[in-house]
Amino acid sequence: MIDMDPSASESPSRLSESDLALIDAMQDDPRAPWARIGQTLAVSAPTARRRWERLVEADAAWITTHAGWASGVVNALIAVQCRPGTADDIAAAAARHPEIMTVAAITGDHDLLFTVFADDMLALRRLAQTGLAAYDGVERVRTMLMTRVFRDGSHWRAGSPGGTRPQGRGGRTDGPLARAALGAAVAVLERDGRASSAALADALGTSEPHARRTVQRAIREGQIVQRVDVRLDQPNWPHSLVLWMVVPAARLHETALRISQLPLSRVCAALAGGAANLYAVVWLRSLSEAPEVEAQIVRGQEVHVTDRGILLHYAKRMGHVFDAGQHRIGHVPWAASAPMQK
């Protein structure tokens, strides 16, 4: 089920410098106290909160929460080739599925690209080999497992896009949260990224201090990921270049870290189970930048690009659903994962 917002904003998409500064401050820790965020911006806590609430009310920015790459959830990319004229209907149907986190139209040999979070390999196999095949118009499905994510949307910075949140988790880990606890915490934070400790405690069935510590640990260790997203029709980074690459296994880690540090790098992940072993998404200010960005990635390196594409449209991105004009119109909770329905 999609939680729809019938009053999706039509406000201007351009973000001001102060908006970008606030987004950067919140990207470091979307649940940080307003006093800390205000101190970063040299404004009062109430001012920082009002500015954020204005962006949320205008649907210009929001907090996205999802299960992290260290949670034990199976992460995969699925590229789908469609019969002509069917891609939009397939995208709309796939966007309703909780485990299909992202649905994007893309140029190249495939028409749609999905990011999937499945409970286990059996659930992924059922989705890729049976669920998607049930949709009229699906002609080919190519599945690739993401074995490690070096950079994701939580690392980008609006004012200085080359900067990142620290990627190393460090310290002691107590292992992934149980699926029930992970689902309960994500269910609350998907709807309100700054949900109170009381709401989290109620969902987890624990005390507020324990719930707060549990969520803080899960975020610190990458079991839960939070980030600030901005509306898709903004003009700062209007295009995305997608690259599939082959890199010598011994240099995969080094190459992935280097790509992750490039300006406007959005995603970088190691892959298994397909022709490519490295995947990247890089924002572009203009389509004319695409050749130079690709050249920058492969220059002086043992990197071979096996496929490339430009993202044309998001029907869904990390749970959030968008219309043809790229306005956010709803949300499909991952924590409510259910069998695929047409």
C-alpha atoms as a PDB file:
ATOM      1  CA  MET A   1       0.000   0.000   0.000  1.00  0.00           C
ATOM      2  CA  ILE A   2       1.205   3.500  -0.839  1.00  0.00           C
ATOM      3  CA  ASP A   3       0.734   6.239   1.748  1.00  0.00           C
ATOM      4  CA  MET A   4      -0.426   9.031  -0.558  1.00  0.00           C
ATOM      5  CA  ASP A   5      -0.085  12.763  -0.064  1.00  0.00           C
ATOM      6  CA  PRO A   6      -2.821  14.471  -2.119  1.00  0.00           C
ATOM      7  CA  SER A   7      -1.387  17.912  -1.357  1.00  0.00           C
ATOM      8  CA  ALA A   8       2.050  17.373  -2.902  1.00  0.00           C
ATOM      9  CA  SER A   9       3.736  20.765  -3.132  1.00  0.00           C
ATOM     10  CA  GLU A  10       4.140  22.716  -6.333  1.00  0.00           C
ATOM     11  CA  SER A  11       6.559  25.202  -4.769  1.00  0.00           C
ATOM     12  CA  PRO A  12       9.730  26.274  -6.602  1.00  0.00           C
ATOM     13  CA  SER A  13      12.415  23.623  -6.530  1.00  0.00           C
ATOM     14  CA  ARG A  14      15.503  25.821  -6.188  1.00  0.00           C
ATOM     15  CA  LEU A  15      17.131  25.632  -2.783  1.00  0.00           C
ATOM     16  CA  SER A  16      18.779  28.692  -1.262  1.00  0.00           C
ATOM     17  CA  GLU A  17      22.284  28.734   0.165  1.00  0.00           C
ATOM     18  CA  SER A  18      20.831  28.754   3.678  1.00  0.00           C
ATOM     19  CA  ASP A  19      18.640  25.763   2.764  1.00  0.00           C
ATOM     20  CA  LEU A  20      21.693  23.862   1.531  1.00  0.00           C
ATOM     21  CA  ALA A  21      23.627  24.736   4.691  1.00  0.00           C
ATOM     22  CA  LEU A  22      20.776  23.428   6.854  1.00  0.00           C
ATOM     23  CA  ILE A  23      20.564  20.223   4.804  1.00  0.00           C
ATOM     24  CA  ASP A  24      24.313  19.702   5.192  1.00  0.00           C
ATOM     25  CA  ALA A  25      24.094  20.219   8.951  1.00  0.00           C
ATOM     26  CA  MET A  26      21.255  17.705   9.243  1.00  0.00           C
ATOM     27  CA  GLN A  27      22.876  15.193   6.905  1.00  0.00           C
ATOM     28  CA  ASP A  28      25.609  14.603   9.491  1.00  0.00           C
ATOM     29  CA  ASP A  29      22.968  13.423  11.979  1.00  0.00           C
ATOM     30  CA  PRO A  30      19.295  13.795  11.002  1.00  0.00           C
ATOM     31  CA  ARG A  31      18.243  13.085  14.607  1.00  0.00           C
ATOM     32  CA  ALA A  32      20.627  15.590  16.210  1.00  0.00           C
ATOM     33  CA  PRO A  33      19.136  18.008  18.777  1.00  0.00           C
ATOM     34  CA  TRP A  34      18.056  21.329  17.269  1.00  0.00           C
ATOM     35  CA  ALA A  35      20.463  23.103  19.598  1.00  0.00           C
ATOM     36  CA  ARG A  36      23.412  21.282  18.003  1.00  0.00           C
ATOM     37  CA  ILE A  37      22.124  21.907  14.478  1.00  0.00           C
ATOM     38  CA  GLY A  38      21.530  25.576  15.285  1.00  0.00           C
ATOM     39  CA  GLN A  39      25.035  25.897  16.728  1.00  0.00           C
ATOM     40  CA  THR A  40      26.482  24.545  13.474  1.00  0.00           C
ATOM     41  CA  LEU A  41      24.550  27.192  11.535  1.00  0.00           C
ATOM     42  CA  ALA A  42      25.096  29.988  14.087  1.00  0.00           C
ATOM     43  CA  VAL A  43      21.335  30.324  14.658  1.00  0.00           C
ATOM     44  CA  SER A  44      19.045  29.497  17.552  1.00  0.00           C
ATOM     45  CA  ALA A  45      17.506  26.052  17.966  1.00  0.00           C
ATOM     46  CA  PRO A  46      13.961  27.362  17.281  1.00  0.00           C
ATOM     47  CA  THR A  47      15.192  29.068  14.104  1.00  0.00           C
ATOM     48  CA  ALA A  48      16.851  25.888  12.836  1.00  0.00           C
ATOM     49  CA  ARG A  49      13.698  23.917  13.567  1.00  0.00           C
ATOM     50  CA  ARG A  50      11.428  26.450  11.839  1.00  0.00           C
ATOM     51  CA  ARG A  51      13.645  26.470   8.753  1.00  0.00           C
ATOM     52  CA  TRP A  52      13.548  22.678   8.558  1.00  0.00           C
ATOM     53  CA  GLU A  53       9.776  22.581   9.071  1.00  0.00           C
ATOM     54  CA  ARG A  54       9.408  25.098   6.226  1.00  0.00           C
ATOM     55  CA  LEU A  55      11.375  22.821   3.881  1.00  0.00           C
ATOM     56  CA  VAL A  56       9.325  19.796   4.942  1.00  0.00           C
ATOM     57  CA  GLU A  57       6.024  21.645   4.536  1.00  0.00           C
ATOM     58  CA  ALA A  58       7.092  22.724   1.027  1.00  0.00           C
ATOM     59  CA  ASP A  59       8.117  19.109   0.322  1.00  0.00           C
ATOM     60  CA  ALA A  60      11.532  20.436  -0.663  1.00  0.00           C
ATOM     61  CA  ALA A  61      13.422  18.076   1.669  1.00  0.00           C
ATOM     62  CA  TRP A  62      12.726  15.125   3.924  1.00  0.00           C
ATOM     63  CA  ILE A  63      14.472  12.471   6.009  1.00  0.00           C
ATOM     64  CA  THR A  64      14.750   9.039   4.398  1.00  0.00           C
ATOM     65  CA  THR A  65      15.306   6.025   6.649  1.00  0.00           C
ATOM     66  CA  HIS A  66      15.980   2.491   5.465  1.00  0.00           C
ATOM     67  CA  ALA A  67      17.605  -0.756   6.526  1.00  0.00           C
ATOM     68  CA  GLY A  68      21.366  -0.390   6.242  1.00  0.00           C
ATOM     69  CA  TRP A  69      23.878  -2.369   4.267  1.00  0.00           C
ATOM     70  CA  ALA A  70      25.149  -3.968   7.513  1.00  0.00           C
ATOM     71  CA  SER A  71      21.722  -5.147   8.657  1.00  0.00           C
ATOM     72  CA  GLY A  72      21.881  -8.605   7.090  1.00  0.00           C
ATOM     73  CA  VAL A  73      19.217  -7.715   4.520  1.00  0.00           C
ATOM     74  CA  VAL A  74      20.050  -8.936   0.988  1.00  0.00           C
ATOM     75  CA  ASN A  75      20.719  -5.957  -1.309  1.00  0.00           C
ATOM     76  CA  ALA A  76      20.454  -6.326  -5.068  1.00  0.00           C
ATOM     77  CA  LEU A  77      20.130  -4.451  -8.330  1.00  0.00           C
ATOM     78  CA  ILE A  78      17.630  -5.780 -10.857  1.00  0.00           C
ATOM     79  CA  ALA A  79      17.742  -4.491 -14.428  1.00  0.00           C
ATOM     80  CA  VAL A  80      14.525  -5.096 -16.369  1.00  0.00           C
ATOM     81  CA  GLN A  81      13.995  -5.070 -20.120  1.00  0.00           C
ATOM     82  CA  CYS A  82      10.385  -4.341 -21.090  1.00  0.00           C
ATOM     83  CA  ARG A  83       8.272  -4.796 -24.173  1.00  0.00           C
ATOM     84  CA  PRO A  84       7.767  -1.390 -25.872  1.00  0.00           C
ATOM     85  CA  GLY A  85       4.962   0.590 -24.301  1.00  0.00           C
ATOM     86  CA  THR A  86       4.863  -1.347 -21.011  1.00  0.00           C
ATOM     87  CA  ALA A  87       7.652   0.210 -18.933  1.00  0.00           C
ATOM     88  CA  ASP A  88       5.483   2.825 -17.188  1.00  0.00           C
ATOM     89  CA  ASP A  89       2.871   0.268 -16.128  1.00  0.00           C
ATOM     90  CA  ILE A  90       5.559  -2.111 -14.858  1.00  0.00           C
ATOM     91  CA  ALA A  91       7.266   0.717 -12.961  1.00  0.00           C
ATOM     92  CA  ALA A  92       4.000   1.759 -11.327  1.00  0.00           C
ATOM     93  CA  ALA A  93       3.261  -1.829 -10.275  1.00  0.00           C
ATOM     94  CA  ALA A  94       6.794  -2.423  -8.970  1.00  0.00           C
ATOM     95  CA  ALA A  95       6.678   0.814  -6.969  1.00  0.00           C
ATOM     96  CA  ARG A  96       3.902  -0.682  -4.841  1.00  0.00           C
ATOM     97  CA  HIS A  97       6.133  -3.549  -3.717  1.00  0.00           C
ATOM     98  CA  PRO A  98       7.759  -2.865  -0.320  1.00  0.00           C
ATOM     99  CA  GLU A  99      10.977  -4.767  -1.057  1.00  0.00           C
ATOM    100  CA  ILE A 100      11.597  -2.882  -4.310  1.00  0.00           C
ATOM    101  CA  MET A 101      13.067   0.238  -2.740  1.00  0.00           C
ATOM    102  CA  THR A 102      13.915   2.166  -5.918  1.00  0.00           C
ATOM    103  CA  VAL A 103      12.343   2.084  -9.384  1.00  0.00           C
ATOM    104  CA  ALA A 104      14.104   4.137 -12.044  1.00  0.00           C
ATOM    105  CA  ALA A 105      13.718   4.453 -15.803  1.00  0.00           C
ATOM    106  CA  ILE A 106      17.115   4.289 -17.474  1.00  0.00           C
ATOM    107  CA  THR A 107      18.659   4.571 -20.921  1.00  0.00           C
ATOM    108  CA  GLY A 108      20.572   1.702 -22.515  1.00  0.00           C
ATOM    109  CA  ASP A 109      19.861  -1.995 -22.950  1.00  0.00           C
ATOM    110  CA  HIS A 110      17.425  -2.113 -20.020  1.00  0.00           C
ATOM    111  CA  ASP A 111      14.394   0.070 -19.434  1.00  0.00           C
ATOM    112  CA  LEU A 112      14.075  -0.073 -15.645  1.00  0.00           C
ATOM    113  CA  LEU A 113      16.521  -0.411 -12.770  1.00  0.00           C
ATOM    114  CA  PHE A 114      15.388  -1.595  -9.336  1.00  0.00           C
ATOM    115  CA  THR A 115      17.157  -1.520  -5.982  1.00  0.00           C
ATOM    116  CA  VAL A 116      15.843  -4.372  -3.844  1.00  0.00           C
ATOM    117  CA  PHE A 117      16.071  -5.119  -0.118  1.00  0.00           C
ATOM    118  CA  ALA A 118      15.019  -8.734   0.484  1.00  0.00           C
ATOM    119  CA  ASP A 119      14.905 -10.667   3.744  1.00  0.00           C
ATOM    120  CA  ASP A 120      16.989 -13.499   2.337  1.00  0.00           C
ATOM    121  CA  MET A 121      18.152 -15.138  -0.873  1.00  0.00           C
ATOM    122  CA  LEU A 122      14.940 -17.128  -1.204  1.00  0.00           C
ATOM    123  CA  ALA A 123      12.861 -13.948  -1.102  1.00  0.00           C
ATOM    124  CA  LEU A 124      15.147 -12.349  -3.694  1.00  0.00           C
ATOM    125  CA  ARG A 125      14.917 -15.375  -5.984  1.00  0.00           C
ATOM    126  CA  ARG A 126      11.132 -15.431  -5.750  1.00  0.00           C
ATOM    127  CA  LEU A 127      10.952 -11.733  -6.575  1.00  0.00           C
ATOM    128  CA  ALA A 128      13.419 -11.815  -9.468  1.00  0.00           C
ATOM    129  CA  GLN A 129      12.469 -15.133 -11.040  1.00  0.00           C
ATOM    130  CA  THR A 130       8.765 -15.385 -10.328  1.00  0.00           C
ATOM    131  CA  GLY A 131       7.310 -12.112  -9.084  1.00  0.00           C
ATOM    132  CA  LEU A 132       8.616  -9.828 -11.808  1.00  0.00           C
ATOM    133  CA  ALA A 133       7.972 -12.382 -14.538  1.00  0.00           C
ATOM    134  CA  ALA A 134       4.267 -12.217 -13.681  1.00  0.00           C
ATOM    135  CA  TYR A 135       4.018  -8.669 -14.994  1.00  0.00           C
ATOM    136  CA  ASP A 136       2.873  -8.403 -18.564  1.00  0.00           C
ATOM    137  CA  GLY A 137       5.624  -6.847 -20.653  1.00  0.00           C
ATOM    138  CA  VAL A 138       8.698  -8.028 -18.715  1.00  0.00           C
ATOM    139  CA  GLU A 139      11.013  -9.608 -21.264  1.00  0.00           C
ATOM    140  CA  ARG A 140      14.314  -9.935 -19.424  1.00  0.00           C
ATOM    141  CA  VAL A 141      15.507  -9.663 -15.832  1.00  0.00           C
ATOM    142  CA  ARG A 142      19.164  -9.344 -14.809  1.00  0.00           C
ATOM    143  CA  THR A 143      19.981  -9.600 -11.092  1.00  0.00           C
ATOM    144  CA  MET A 144      23.201  -8.455  -9.423  1.00  0.00           C
ATOM    145  CA  LEU A 145      23.956  -8.741  -5.705  1.00  0.00           C
ATOM    146  CA  MET A 146      25.464  -5.768  -3.881  1.00  0.00           C
ATOM    147  CA  THR A 147      28.130  -7.270  -1.636  1.00  0.00           C
ATOM    148  CA  ARG A 148      29.421  -4.028  -0.163  1.00  0.00           C
ATOM    149  CA  VAL A 149      28.284  -0.421  -0.391  1.00  0.00           C
ATOM    150  CA  PHE A 150      31.136   2.068  -0.200  1.00  0.00           C
ATOM    151  CA  ARG A 151      28.979   5.143  -0.675  1.00  0.00           C
ATOM    152  CA  ASP A 152      25.242   5.785  -0.566  1.00  0.00           C
ATOM    153  CA  GLY A 153      22.880   8.733  -0.406  1.00  0.00           C
ATOM    154  CA  SER A 154      23.663   9.364   3.262  1.00  0.00           C
ATOM    155  CA  HIS A 155      27.193  10.485   2.368  1.00  0.00           C
ATOM    156  CA  TRP A 156      26.409  13.341  -0.024  1.00  0.00           C
ATOM    157  CA  ARG A 157      26.628  16.972   1.028  1.00  0.00           C
ATOM    158  CA  ALA A 158      24.608  19.709  -0.658  1.00  0.00           C
ATOM    159  CA  GLY A 159      27.125  22.500  -0.230  1.00  0.00           C
ATOM    160  CA  SER A 160      30.243  20.378  -0.699  1.00  0.00           C
ATOM    161  CA  PRO A 161      29.153  17.236  -2.559  1.00  0.00           C
ATOM    162  CA  GLY A 162      32.610  15.705  -2.507  1.00  0.00           C
ATOM    163  CA  GLY A 163      32.571  15.481   1.281  1.00  0.00           C
ATOM    164  CA  THR A 164      31.356  12.402   3.085  1.00  0.00           C
ATOM    165  CA  ARG A 165      30.132  11.166   6.381  1.00  0.00           C
ATOM    166  CA  PRO A 166      32.816   8.884   7.850  1.00  0.00           C
ATOM    167  CA  GLN A 167      32.420   5.474   6.234  1.00  0.00           C
ATOM    168  CA  GLY A 168      34.257   3.317   8.738  1.00  0.00           C
ATOM    169  CA  ARG A 169      32.012   2.065  11.507  1.00  0.00           C
ATOM    170  CA  GLY A 170      34.767   1.177  13.949  1.00  0.00           C
ATOM    171  CA  GLY A 171      34.409   0.020  17.507  1.00  0.00           C
ATOM    172  CA  ARG A 172      32.606  -3.002  18.881  1.00  0.00           C
ATOM    173  CA  THR A 173      29.588  -4.417  17.090  1.00  0.00           C
ATOM    174  CA  ASP A 174      26.932  -6.546  18.725  1.00  0.00           C
ATOM    175  CA  GLY A 175      25.809  -8.040  15.431  1.00  0.00           C
ATOM    176  CA  PRO A 176      22.774  -7.186  13.322  1.00  0.00           C
ATOM    177  CA  LEU A 177      19.485  -6.390  15.011  1.00  0.00           C
ATOM    178  CA  ALA A 178      16.928  -9.180  14.912  1.00  0.00           C
ATOM    179  CA  ARG A 179      14.638  -8.797  11.899  1.00  0.00           C
ATOM    180  CA  ALA A 180      11.666  -8.020  14.153  1.00  0.00           C
ATOM    181  CA  ALA A 181      13.538  -5.275  16.020  1.00  0.00           C
ATOM    182  CA  LEU A 182      14.986  -3.870  12.800  1.00  0.00           C
ATOM    183  CA  GLY A 183      11.552  -3.808  11.188  1.00  0.00           C
ATOM    184  CA  ALA A 184       9.968  -2.189  14.251  1.00  0.00           C
ATOM    185  CA  ALA A 185      12.564   0.582  14.431  1.00  0.00           C
ATOM    186  CA  VAL A 186      12.560   1.242  10.692  1.00  0.00           C
ATOM    187  CA  ALA A 187       8.738   1.273  10.642  1.00  0.00           C
ATOM    188  CA  VAL A 188       8.739   4.227  13.034  1.00  0.00           C
ATOM    189  CA  LEU A 189      11.648   6.079  11.435  1.00  0.00           C
ATOM    190  CA  GLU A 190      10.397   5.597   7.867  1.00  0.00           C
ATOM    191  CA  ARG A 191       7.379   7.736   8.739  1.00  0.00           C
ATOM    192  CA  ASP A 192       9.205  10.216  10.962  1.00  0.00           C
ATOM    193  CA  GLY A 193      12.991  10.308  10.837  1.00  0.00           C
ATOM    194  CA  ARG A 194      13.064  12.383  14.025  1.00  0.00           C
ATOM    195  CA  ALA A 195      10.543  10.241  15.911  1.00  0.00           C
ATOM    196  CA  SER A 196      10.723  10.528  19.689  1.00  0.00           C
ATOM    197  CA  SER A 197      12.392   8.022  21.965  1.00  0.00           C
ATOM    198  CA  ALA A 198       8.938   7.322  23.381  1.00  0.00           C
ATOM    199  CA  ALA A 199       7.632   6.263  19.952  1.00  0.00           C
ATOM    200  CA  LEU A 200      10.666   4.035  19.403  1.00  0.00           C
ATOM    201  CA  ALA A 201      10.362   2.519  22.877  1.00  0.00           C
ATOM    202  CA  ASP A 202       6.720   1.703  22.250  1.00  0.00           C
ATOM    203  CA  ALA A 203       7.589   0.001  18.949  1.00  0.00           C
ATOM    204  CA  LEU A 204      10.519  -1.957  20.410  1.00  0.00           C
ATOM    205  CA  GLY A 205       8.830  -2.812  23.699  1.00  0.00           C
ATOM    206  CA  THR A 206      11.696  -1.399  25.781  1.00  0.00           C
ATOM    207  CA  SER A 207      12.473   1.615  27.924  1.00  0.00           C
ATOM    208  CA  GLU A 208      13.151   4.955  26.250  1.00  0.00           C
ATOM    209  CA  PRO A 209      16.884   4.965  27.141  1.00  0.00           C
ATOM    210  CA  HIS A 210      17.293   1.431  25.788  1.00  0.00           C
ATOM    211  CA  ALA A 211      15.371   2.264  22.601  1.00  0.00           C
ATOM    212  CA  ARG A 212      17.470   5.383  22.106  1.00  0.00           C
ATOM    213  CA  ARG A 213      20.721   3.454  22.566  1.00  0.00           C
ATOM    214  CA  THR A 214      19.543   0.651  20.279  1.00  0.00           C
ATOM    215  CA  VAL A 215      18.726   3.035  17.440  1.00  0.00           C
ATOM    216  CA  GLN A 216      21.899   5.061  17.924  1.00  0.00           C
ATOM    217  CA  ARG A 217      23.978   1.877  17.760  1.00  0.00           C
ATOM    218  CA  ALA A 218      22.117   0.601  14.713  1.00  0.00           C
ATOM    219  CA  ILE A 219      22.716   3.883  12.885  1.00  0.00           C
ATOM    220  CA  ARG A 220      26.365   4.059  13.967  1.00  0.00           C
ATOM    221  CA  GLU A 221      27.027   0.510  12.758  1.00  0.00           C
ATOM    222  CA  GLY A 222      25.177   0.939   9.458  1.00  0.00           C
ATOM    223  CA  GLN A 223      22.263  -1.365  10.290  1.00  0.00           C
ATOM    224  CA  ILE A 224      19.903   1.580   9.863  1.00  0.00           C
ATOM    225  CA  VAL A 225      20.692   4.413   7.452  1.00  0.00           C
ATOM    226  CA  GLN A 226      19.261   7.912   7.646  1.00  0.00           C
ATOM    227  CA  ARG A 227      19.778  10.730   5.194  1.00  0.00           C
ATOM    228  CA  VAL A 228      18.268  13.996   4.033  1.00  0.00           C
ATOM    229  CA  ASP A 229      16.865  13.896   0.511  1.00  0.00           C
ATOM    230  CA  VAL A 230      15.769  16.833  -1.631  1.00  0.00           C
ATOM    231  CA  ARG A 231      13.038  17.019  -4.233  1.00  0.00           C
ATOM    232  CA  LEU A 232      14.008  15.524  -7.558  1.00  0.00           C
ATOM    233  CA  ASP A 233      13.079  18.465  -9.783  1.00  0.00           C
ATOM    234  CA  GLN A 234      15.698  20.744  -8.244  1.00  0.00           C
ATOM    235  CA  PRO A 235      18.156  22.212 -10.781  1.00  0.00           C
ATOM    236  CA  ASN A 236      21.452  21.739  -8.930  1.00  0.00           C
ATOM    237  CA  TRP A 237      22.140  18.149 -10.068  1.00  0.00           C
ATOM    238  CA  PRO A 238      19.488  17.322 -12.694  1.00  0.00           C
ATOM    239  CA  HIS A 239      21.045  14.170 -14.206  1.00  0.00           C
ATOM    240  CA  SER A 240      22.622  10.931 -13.010  1.00  0.00           C
ATOM    241  CA  LEU A 241      25.200   8.814 -14.854  1.00  0.00           C
ATOM    242  CA  VAL A 242      25.116   5.091 -14.056  1.00  0.00           C
ATOM    243  CA  LEU A 243      28.195   2.944 -14.701  1.00  0.00           C
ATOM    244  CA  TRP A 244      28.793  -0.802 -14.472  1.00  0.00           C
ATOM    245  CA  MET A 245      32.505  -1.627 -14.362  1.00  0.00           C
ATOM    246  CA  VAL A 246      34.983  -4.478 -14.156  1.00  0.00           C
ATOM    247  CA  VAL A 247      37.971  -3.948 -11.874  1.00  0.00           C
ATOM    248  CA  PRO A 248      40.693  -6.482 -10.935  1.00  0.00           C
ATOM    249  CA  ALA A 249      39.571  -8.103  -7.701  1.00  0.00           C
ATOM    250  CA  ALA A 250      42.773  -7.120  -5.914  1.00  0.00           C
ATOM    251  CA  ARG A 251      42.096  -3.442  -6.669  1.00  0.00           C
ATOM    252  CA  LEU A 252      38.345  -3.363  -6.145  1.00  0.00           C
ATOM    253  CA  HIS A 253      38.444  -1.856  -2.666  1.00  0.00           C
ATOM    254  CA  GLU A 254      40.999   0.797  -3.602  1.00  0.00           C
ATOM    255  CA  THR A 255      39.126   1.745  -6.782  1.00  0.00           C
ATOM    256  CA  ALA A 256      35.757   1.899  -5.039  1.00  0.00           C
ATOM    257  CA  LEU A 257      37.097   4.224  -2.357  1.00  0.00           C
ATOM    258  CA  ARG A 258      38.597   6.501  -4.999  1.00  0.00           C
ATOM    259  CA  ILE A 259      35.324   6.699  -6.944  1.00  0.00           C
ATOM    260  CA  SER A 260      33.443   7.321  -3.696  1.00  0.00           C
ATOM    261  CA  GLN A 261      35.490  10.472  -3.115  1.00  0.00           C
ATOM    262  CA  LEU A 262      34.746  12.018  -6.502  1.00  0.00           C
ATOM    263  CA  PRO A 263      32.664  15.210  -6.519  1.00  0.00           C
ATOM    264  CA  LEU A 264      28.953  14.420  -6.935  1.00  0.00           C
ATOM    265  CA  SER A 265      29.483  10.670  -6.461  1.00  0.00           C
ATOM    266  CA  ARG A 266      26.133   9.394  -5.203  1.00  0.00           C
ATOM    267  CA  VAL A 267      26.473   5.609  -4.993  1.00  0.00           C
ATOM    268  CA  CYS A 268      29.354   3.151  -5.253  1.00  0.00           C
ATOM    269  CA  ALA A 269      28.913  -0.559  -4.578  1.00  0.00           C
ATOM    270  CA  ALA A 270      30.679  -3.852  -5.181  1.00  0.00           C
ATOM    271  CA  LEU A 271      28.657  -6.384  -7.190  1.00  0.00           C
ATOM    272  CA  ALA A 272      28.571 -10.152  -7.541  1.00  0.00           C
ATOM    273  CA  GLY A 273      26.708 -12.491  -9.831  1.00  0.00           C
ATOM    274  CA  GLY A 274      27.018 -10.585 -13.091  1.00  0.00           C
ATOM    275  CA  ALA A 275      29.401  -9.297 -15.734  1.00  0.00           C
ATOM    276  CA  ALA A 276      30.389  -6.251 -13.647  1.00  0.00           C
ATOM    277  CA  ASN A 277      31.864  -6.162 -10.151  1.00  0.00           C
ATOM    278  CA  LEU A 278      31.540  -2.430  -9.459  1.00  0.00           C
ATOM    279  CA  TYR A 279      28.581  -0.054  -9.796  1.00  0.00           C
ATOM    280  CA  ALA A 280      28.446   3.726  -9.470  1.00  0.00           C
ATOM    281  CA  VAL A 281      25.936   6.536  -9.788  1.00  0.00           C
ATOM    282  CA  VAL A 282      27.325  10.049 -10.266  1.00  0.00           C
ATOM    283  CA  TRP A 283      25.290  13.248 -10.371  1.00  0.00           C
ATOM    284  CA  LEU A 284      25.796  15.520 -13.379  1.00  0.00           C
ATOM    285  CA  ARG A 285      25.153  19.239 -13.666  1.00  0.00           C
ATOM    286  CA  SER A 286      24.653  18.749 -17.409  1.00  0.00           C
ATOM    287  CA  LEU A 287      24.607  15.791 -19.791  1.00  0.00           C
ATOM    288  CA  SER A 288      27.680  17.182 -21.529  1.00  0.00           C
ATOM    289  CA  GLU A 289      29.687  16.312 -18.400  1.00  0.00           C
ATOM    290  CA  ALA A 290      29.070  12.572 -18.820  1.00  0.00           C
ATOM    291  CA  PRO A 291      32.109  11.743 -21.035  1.00  0.00           C
ATOM    292  CA  GLU A 292      34.523  13.691 -18.848  1.00  0.00           C
ATOM    293  CA  VAL A 293      33.152  12.168 -15.632  1.00  0.00           C
ATOM    294  CA  GLU A 294      33.531   8.675 -17.074  1.00  0.00           C
ATOM    295  CA  ALA A 295      37.036   9.518 -18.286  1.00  0.00           C
ATOM    296  CA  GLN A 296      37.924  10.763 -14.806  1.00  0.00           C
ATOM    297  CA  ILE A 297      36.792   7.474 -13.298  1.00  0.00           C
ATOM    298  CA  VAL A 298      38.785   5.230 -15.656  1.00  0.00           C
ATOM    299  CA  ARG A 299      41.839   7.461 -16.241  1.00  0.00           C
ATOM    300  CA  GLY A 300      45.068   5.757 -15.181  1.00  0.00           C
ATOM    301  CA  GLN A 301      43.198   2.830 -13.661  1.00  0.00           C
ATOM    302  CA  GLU A 302      42.491  -0.775 -14.550  1.00  0.00           C
ATOM    303  CA  VAL A 303      38.786  -0.019 -14.918  1.00  0.00           C
ATOM    304  CA  HIS A 304      36.694  -1.233 -17.838  1.00  0.00           C
ATOM    305  CA  VAL A 305      33.175   0.165 -18.239  1.00  0.00           C
ATOM    306  CA  THR A 306      30.898  -2.680 -19.359  1.00  0.00           C
ATOM    307  CA  ASP A 307      27.646  -0.702 -19.504  1.00  0.00           C
ATOM    308  CA  ARG A 308      26.404   2.816 -18.907  1.00  0.00           C
ATOM    309  CA  GLY A 309      23.135   4.670 -18.720  1.00  0.00           C
ATOM    310  CA  ILE A 310      21.429   7.905 -17.731  1.00  0.00           C
ATOM    311  CA  LEU A 311      18.626   7.819 -15.169  1.00  0.00           C
ATOM    312  CA  LEU A 312      15.551   9.298 -16.830  1.00  0.00           C
ATOM    313  CA  HIS A 313      12.944   9.249 -14.093  1.00  0.00           C
ATOM    314  CA  TYR A 314      12.292   7.912 -10.604  1.00  0.00           C
ATOM    315  CA  ALA A 315       8.950   6.248  -9.991  1.00  0.00           C
ATOM    316  CA  LYS A 316      10.264   5.462  -6.518  1.00  0.00           C
ATOM    317  CA  ARG A 317      13.444   6.188  -4.577  1.00  0.00           C
ATOM    318  CA  MET A 318      14.217   4.439  -1.310  1.00  0.00           C
ATOM    319  CA  GLY A 319      10.545   3.968  -0.535  1.00  0.00           C
ATOM    320  CA  HIS A 320       9.295   7.388  -1.642  1.00  0.00           C
ATOM    321  CA  VAL A 321       6.983   7.454  -4.675  1.00  0.00           C
ATOM    322  CA  PHE A 322       7.032  10.164  -7.354  1.00  0.00           C
ATOM    323  CA  ASP A 323       4.700  11.256 -10.143  1.00  0.00           C
ATOM    324  CA  ALA A 324       5.583  12.035 -13.760  1.00  0.00           C
ATOM    325  CA  GLY A 325       6.706  15.530 -12.761  1.00  0.00           C
ATOM    326  CA  GLN A 326       9.052  14.086 -10.103  1.00  0.00           C
ATOM    327  CA  HIS A 327       6.944  15.410  -7.229  1.00  0.00           C
ATOM    328  CA  ARG A 328       6.806  13.167  -4.179  1.00  0.00           C
ATOM    329  CA  ILE A 329       3.286  11.764  -3.814  1.00  0.00           C
ATOM    330  CA  GLY A 330       3.575   8.952  -1.298  1.00  0.00           C
ATOM    331  CA  HIS A 331       5.619   6.351   0.532  1.00  0.00           C
ATOM    332  CA  VAL A 332       5.664   2.540   0.607  1.00  0.00           C
ATOM    333  CA  PRO A 333       6.954   1.286   3.976  1.00  0.00           C
ATOM    334  CA  TRP A 334       9.680  -1.345   3.639  1.00  0.00           C
ATOM    335  CA  ALA A 335       8.930  -2.581   7.151  1.00  0.00           C
ATOM    336  CA  ALA A 336       5.516  -3.722   5.895  1.00  0.00           C
ATOM    337  CA  SER A 337       7.141  -6.124   3.391  1.00  0.00           C
ATOM    338  CA  ALA A 338       4.492  -8.415   1.922  1.00  0.00           C
ATOM    339  CA  PRO A 339       4.226 -10.837  -1.008  1.00  0.00           C
ATOM    340  CA  MET A 340       4.267  -9.096  -4.355  1.00  0.00           C
ATOM    341  CA  GLN A 341       0.864  -8.196  -5.731  1.00  0.00           C
ATOM    342  CA  LYS A 342       0.010  -7.041  -9.215  1.00  0.00           C
END
